[in-house]
Amino acid sequence: MTDPVTLTLVRYPPRNLAWRRGRRHVRVPLRRIEAAAACLLWLPAGFHFGLALAGSTGMAADAGGWPHMAALAAGGVPLALACRLLWRRGRTLAACAAPAVLGSGAVAGTLMLEGFGPFAVVVVAAAASLPAWLMCARRSGRRWLDV
């Protein structure tokens, strides 16, 4: 029982931990569902908030306003996807500034063109997301808007 026991040295293969550097990988089970809900609901919520500030109900509150609400939901998706792409590429300042600036412009545009129908709402919202998509397409080095 008191005999010395020798341990053999075992070398395990090295682990590749490069994917862990600089990021925290915390898995959130409902993250994609929450992101999809936010993509679809930010423009209708802003639209109705703007209507409440103006003191009117608008066309979306009518019984036939469901196509208008669907157009609002579909119109908010391009800007949300562009902001998500900016965030994933590491352009955090641009990803946070784009919804504040372009999102408020999209809400104001949809409030102005409410009476022209659902197609006009989608066109205005998609046009408001164009600068964010142009920022995503830019390939040059770091600029003052990138952090």
C-alpha atoms as a PDB file:
ATOM      1  CA  MET A   1       0.000   0.000   0.000  1.00  0.00           C
ATOM      2  CA  THR A   2       2.866   2.367   0.488  1.00  0.00           C
ATOM      3  CA  ASP A   3       4.560   1.584  -2.797  1.00  0.00           C
ATOM      4  CA  PRO A   4       5.081   4.679  -4.962  1.00  0.00           C
ATOM      5  CA  VAL A   5       2.983   4.800  -8.086  1.00  0.00           C
ATOM      6  CA  THR A   6       4.415   6.389 -11.181  1.00  0.00           C
ATOM      7  CA  LEU A   7       2.132   8.431 -13.375  1.00  0.00           C
ATOM      8  CA  THR A   8       2.678   8.423 -17.061  1.00  0.00           C
ATOM      9  CA  LEU A   9       2.535  11.742 -18.807  1.00  0.00           C
ATOM     10  CA  VAL A  10      -0.267  11.901 -21.293  1.00  0.00           C
ATOM     11  CA  ARG A  11      -0.435  14.631 -23.858  1.00  0.00           C
ATOM     12  CA  TYR A  12      -3.906  15.401 -25.046  1.00  0.00           C
ATOM     13  CA  PRO A  13      -4.440  16.983 -28.438  1.00  0.00           C
ATOM     14  CA  PRO A  14      -4.733  20.773 -28.179  1.00  0.00           C
ATOM     15  CA  ARG A  15      -8.203  22.219 -28.223  1.00  0.00           C
ATOM     16  CA  ASN A  16      -9.121  24.908 -30.688  1.00  0.00           C
ATOM     17  CA  LEU A  17     -10.587  27.771 -28.653  1.00  0.00           C
ATOM     18  CA  ALA A  18     -10.232  30.475 -31.298  1.00  0.00           C
ATOM     19  CA  TRP A  19     -14.008  30.762 -31.703  1.00  0.00           C
ATOM     20  CA  ARG A  20     -14.267  31.858 -28.064  1.00  0.00           C
ATOM     21  CA  ARG A  21     -12.011  34.890 -28.342  1.00  0.00           C
ATOM     22  CA  GLY A  22     -13.718  38.257 -28.061  1.00  0.00           C
ATOM     23  CA  ARG A  23     -17.284  36.977 -27.831  1.00  0.00           C
ATOM     24  CA  ARG A  24     -19.523  35.549 -25.225  1.00  0.00           C
ATOM     25  CA  HIS A  25     -21.557  32.714 -26.635  1.00  0.00           C
ATOM     26  CA  VAL A  26     -24.589  32.562 -24.429  1.00  0.00           C
ATOM     27  CA  ARG A  27     -27.391  30.652 -26.023  1.00  0.00           C
ATOM     28  CA  VAL A  28     -30.819  32.184 -25.623  1.00  0.00           C
ATOM     29  CA  PRO A  29     -33.511  29.771 -26.765  1.00  0.00           C
ATOM     30  CA  LEU A  30     -36.056  32.285 -28.012  1.00  0.00           C
ATOM     31  CA  ARG A  31     -33.671  34.865 -29.458  1.00  0.00           C
ATOM     32  CA  ARG A  32     -34.645  34.261 -33.081  1.00  0.00           C
ATOM     33  CA  ILE A  33     -38.359  34.323 -32.320  1.00  0.00           C
ATOM     34  CA  GLU A  34     -37.950  37.577 -30.389  1.00  0.00           C
ATOM     35  CA  ALA A  35     -35.918  39.090 -33.217  1.00  0.00           C
ATOM     36  CA  ALA A  36     -38.536  38.090 -35.774  1.00  0.00           C
ATOM     37  CA  ALA A  37     -41.288  39.602 -33.630  1.00  0.00           C
ATOM     38  CA  ALA A  38     -39.318  42.826 -33.242  1.00  0.00           C
ATOM     39  CA  CYS A  39     -38.737  42.958 -37.036  1.00  0.00           C
ATOM     40  CA  LEU A  40     -42.438  42.639 -37.707  1.00  0.00           C
ATOM     41  CA  LEU A  41     -43.815  44.850 -34.948  1.00  0.00           C
ATOM     42  CA  TRP A  42     -41.581  47.929 -34.667  1.00  0.00           C
ATOM     43  CA  LEU A  43     -43.167  49.852 -37.572  1.00  0.00           C
ATOM     44  CA  PRO A  44     -46.829  49.165 -36.676  1.00  0.00           C
ATOM     45  CA  ALA A  45     -46.092  50.099 -33.059  1.00  0.00           C
ATOM     46  CA  GLY A  46     -44.388  53.336 -34.110  1.00  0.00           C
ATOM     47  CA  PHE A  47     -47.182  54.093 -36.537  1.00  0.00           C
ATOM     48  CA  HIS A  48     -49.871  53.754 -33.868  1.00  0.00           C
ATOM     49  CA  PHE A  49     -47.773  55.705 -31.387  1.00  0.00           C
ATOM     50  CA  GLY A  50     -47.534  58.514 -33.948  1.00  0.00           C
ATOM     51  CA  LEU A  51     -51.279  58.362 -34.518  1.00  0.00           C
ATOM     52  CA  ALA A  52     -51.876  58.581 -30.774  1.00  0.00           C
ATOM     53  CA  LEU A  53     -49.618  61.639 -30.551  1.00  0.00           C
ATOM     54  CA  ALA A  54     -51.529  63.258 -33.408  1.00  0.00           C
ATOM     55  CA  GLY A  55     -54.842  62.467 -31.730  1.00  0.00           C
ATOM     56  CA  SER A  56     -56.412  60.519 -34.609  1.00  0.00           C
ATOM     57  CA  THR A  57     -57.223  56.894 -35.253  1.00  0.00           C
ATOM     58  CA  GLY A  58     -56.278  56.649 -38.927  1.00  0.00           C
ATOM     59  CA  MET A  59     -57.121  54.072 -41.546  1.00  0.00           C
ATOM     60  CA  ALA A  60     -55.447  51.184 -39.714  1.00  0.00           C
ATOM     61  CA  ALA A  61     -58.077  51.262 -36.966  1.00  0.00           C
ATOM     62  CA  ASP A  62     -60.909  50.566 -39.434  1.00  0.00           C
ATOM     63  CA  ALA A  63     -62.289  47.101 -40.051  1.00  0.00           C
ATOM     64  CA  GLY A  64     -60.599  47.036 -43.447  1.00  0.00           C
ATOM     65  CA  GLY A  65     -57.256  48.104 -42.030  1.00  0.00           C
ATOM     66  CA  TRP A  66     -55.717  44.633 -41.935  1.00  0.00           C
ATOM     67  CA  PRO A  67     -53.982  45.000 -45.324  1.00  0.00           C
ATOM     68  CA  HIS A  68     -52.560  48.273 -44.071  1.00  0.00           C
ATOM     69  CA  MET A  69     -51.284  46.609 -40.887  1.00  0.00           C
ATOM     70  CA  ALA A  70     -49.766  43.751 -42.891  1.00  0.00           C
ATOM     71  CA  ALA A  71     -48.045  46.295 -45.134  1.00  0.00           C
ATOM     72  CA  LEU A  72     -46.696  48.084 -42.066  1.00  0.00           C
ATOM     73  CA  ALA A  73     -45.351  44.827 -40.680  1.00  0.00           C
ATOM     74  CA  ALA A  74     -43.738  43.884 -43.995  1.00  0.00           C
ATOM     75  CA  GLY A  75     -42.359  47.378 -44.490  1.00  0.00           C
ATOM     76  CA  GLY A  76     -40.426  47.323 -41.227  1.00  0.00           C
ATOM     77  CA  VAL A  77     -38.524  44.138 -42.025  1.00  0.00           C
ATOM     78  CA  PRO A  78     -35.854  45.580 -44.413  1.00  0.00           C
ATOM     79  CA  LEU A  79     -34.594  48.166 -41.923  1.00  0.00           C
ATOM     80  CA  ALA A  80     -34.533  45.651 -39.087  1.00  0.00           C
ATOM     81  CA  LEU A  81     -32.573  43.158 -41.187  1.00  0.00           C
ATOM     82  CA  ALA A  82     -30.107  45.832 -42.275  1.00  0.00           C
ATOM     83  CA  CYS A  83     -29.534  46.865 -38.662  1.00  0.00           C
ATOM     84  CA  ARG A  84     -29.014  43.263 -37.642  1.00  0.00           C
ATOM     85  CA  LEU A  85     -26.461  42.809 -40.430  1.00  0.00           C
ATOM     86  CA  LEU A  86     -24.655  45.971 -39.346  1.00  0.00           C
ATOM     87  CA  TRP A  87     -24.561  44.678 -35.780  1.00  0.00           C
ATOM     88  CA  ARG A  88     -23.183  41.300 -36.840  1.00  0.00           C
ATOM     89  CA  ARG A  89     -20.467  42.967 -38.887  1.00  0.00           C
ATOM     90  CA  GLY A  90     -19.310  44.905 -35.823  1.00  0.00           C
ATOM     91  CA  ARG A  91     -20.616  48.340 -36.787  1.00  0.00           C
ATOM     92  CA  THR A  92     -22.357  48.929 -33.484  1.00  0.00           C
ATOM     93  CA  LEU A  93     -22.740  52.697 -33.680  1.00  0.00           C
ATOM     94  CA  ALA A  94     -24.258  52.507 -37.134  1.00  0.00           C
ATOM     95  CA  ALA A  95     -26.518  49.650 -36.044  1.00  0.00           C
ATOM     96  CA  CYS A  96     -27.836  51.720 -33.126  1.00  0.00           C
ATOM     97  CA  ALA A  97     -28.101  55.012 -35.018  1.00  0.00           C
ATOM     98  CA  ALA A  98     -29.912  53.600 -38.056  1.00  0.00           C
ATOM     99  CA  PRO A  99     -33.161  52.644 -36.265  1.00  0.00           C
ATOM    100  CA  ALA A 100     -33.215  55.947 -34.415  1.00  0.00           C
ATOM    101  CA  VAL A 101     -32.737  58.103 -37.494  1.00  0.00           C
ATOM    102  CA  LEU A 102     -34.130  56.008 -40.325  1.00  0.00           C
ATOM    103  CA  GLY A 103     -36.864  54.405 -38.226  1.00  0.00           C
ATOM    104  CA  SER A 104     -38.306  57.754 -37.195  1.00  0.00           C
ATOM    105  CA  GLY A 105     -38.218  58.841 -40.845  1.00  0.00           C
ATOM    106  CA  ALA A 106     -40.026  55.669 -41.877  1.00  0.00           C
ATOM    107  CA  VAL A 107     -42.722  56.211 -39.254  1.00  0.00           C
ATOM    108  CA  ALA A 108     -43.175  59.840 -40.322  1.00  0.00           C
ATOM    109  CA  GLY A 109     -43.361  58.808 -43.983  1.00  0.00           C
ATOM    110  CA  THR A 110     -45.965  56.156 -43.309  1.00  0.00           C
ATOM    111  CA  LEU A 111     -48.028  58.644 -41.316  1.00  0.00           C
ATOM    112  CA  MET A 112     -47.920  61.096 -44.215  1.00  0.00           C
ATOM    113  CA  LEU A 113     -48.814  58.530 -46.880  1.00  0.00           C
ATOM    114  CA  GLU A 114     -51.383  56.611 -44.861  1.00  0.00           C
ATOM    115  CA  GLY A 115     -54.256  57.450 -47.200  1.00  0.00           C
ATOM    116  CA  PHE A 116     -52.473  56.257 -50.345  1.00  0.00           C
ATOM    117  CA  GLY A 117     -52.782  52.592 -49.458  1.00  0.00           C
ATOM    118  CA  PRO A 118     -50.632  49.681 -48.377  1.00  0.00           C
ATOM    119  CA  PHE A 119     -48.299  49.702 -51.385  1.00  0.00           C
ATOM    120  CA  ALA A 120     -47.240  53.294 -50.691  1.00  0.00           C
ATOM    121  CA  VAL A 121     -46.487  52.363 -47.085  1.00  0.00           C
ATOM    122  CA  VAL A 122     -44.226  49.487 -48.143  1.00  0.00           C
ATOM    123  CA  VAL A 123     -42.399  51.669 -50.672  1.00  0.00           C
ATOM    124  CA  VAL A 124     -41.760  54.427 -48.104  1.00  0.00           C
ATOM    125  CA  ALA A 125     -40.528  51.992 -45.462  1.00  0.00           C
ATOM    126  CA  ALA A 126     -38.252  50.200 -47.925  1.00  0.00           C
ATOM    127  CA  ALA A 127     -36.866  53.513 -49.186  1.00  0.00           C
ATOM    128  CA  ALA A 128     -36.138  54.562 -45.605  1.00  0.00           C
ATOM    129  CA  SER A 129     -33.981  51.458 -45.109  1.00  0.00           C
ATOM    130  CA  LEU A 130     -31.860  52.134 -48.205  1.00  0.00           C
ATOM    131  CA  PRO A 131     -29.084  54.103 -46.392  1.00  0.00           C
ATOM    132  CA  ALA A 132     -28.645  51.254 -43.907  1.00  0.00           C
ATOM    133  CA  TRP A 133     -28.307  48.765 -46.741  1.00  0.00           C
ATOM    134  CA  LEU A 134     -25.766  51.013 -48.430  1.00  0.00           C
ATOM    135  CA  MET A 135     -23.789  51.077 -45.185  1.00  0.00           C
ATOM    136  CA  CYS A 136     -23.902  47.256 -45.146  1.00  0.00           C
ATOM    137  CA  ALA A 137     -22.606  47.099 -48.702  1.00  0.00           C
ATOM    138  CA  ARG A 138     -19.632  49.333 -48.013  1.00  0.00           C
ATOM    139  CA  ARG A 139     -16.392  47.349 -47.960  1.00  0.00           C
ATOM    140  CA  SER A 140     -13.802  50.029 -47.272  1.00  0.00           C
ATOM    141  CA  GLY A 141     -11.803  50.362 -44.070  1.00  0.00           C
ATOM    142  CA  ARG A 142     -13.008  51.686 -40.749  1.00  0.00           C
ATOM    143  CA  ARG A 143     -14.557  55.123 -40.851  1.00  0.00           C
ATOM    144  CA  TRP A 144     -15.775  57.559 -38.236  1.00  0.00           C
ATOM    145  CA  LEU A 145     -19.224  55.916 -38.008  1.00  0.00           C
ATOM    146  CA  ASP A 146     -17.802  52.467 -37.254  1.00  0.00           C
ATOM    147  CA  VAL A 147     -16.920  51.536 -33.718  1.00  0.00           C
END
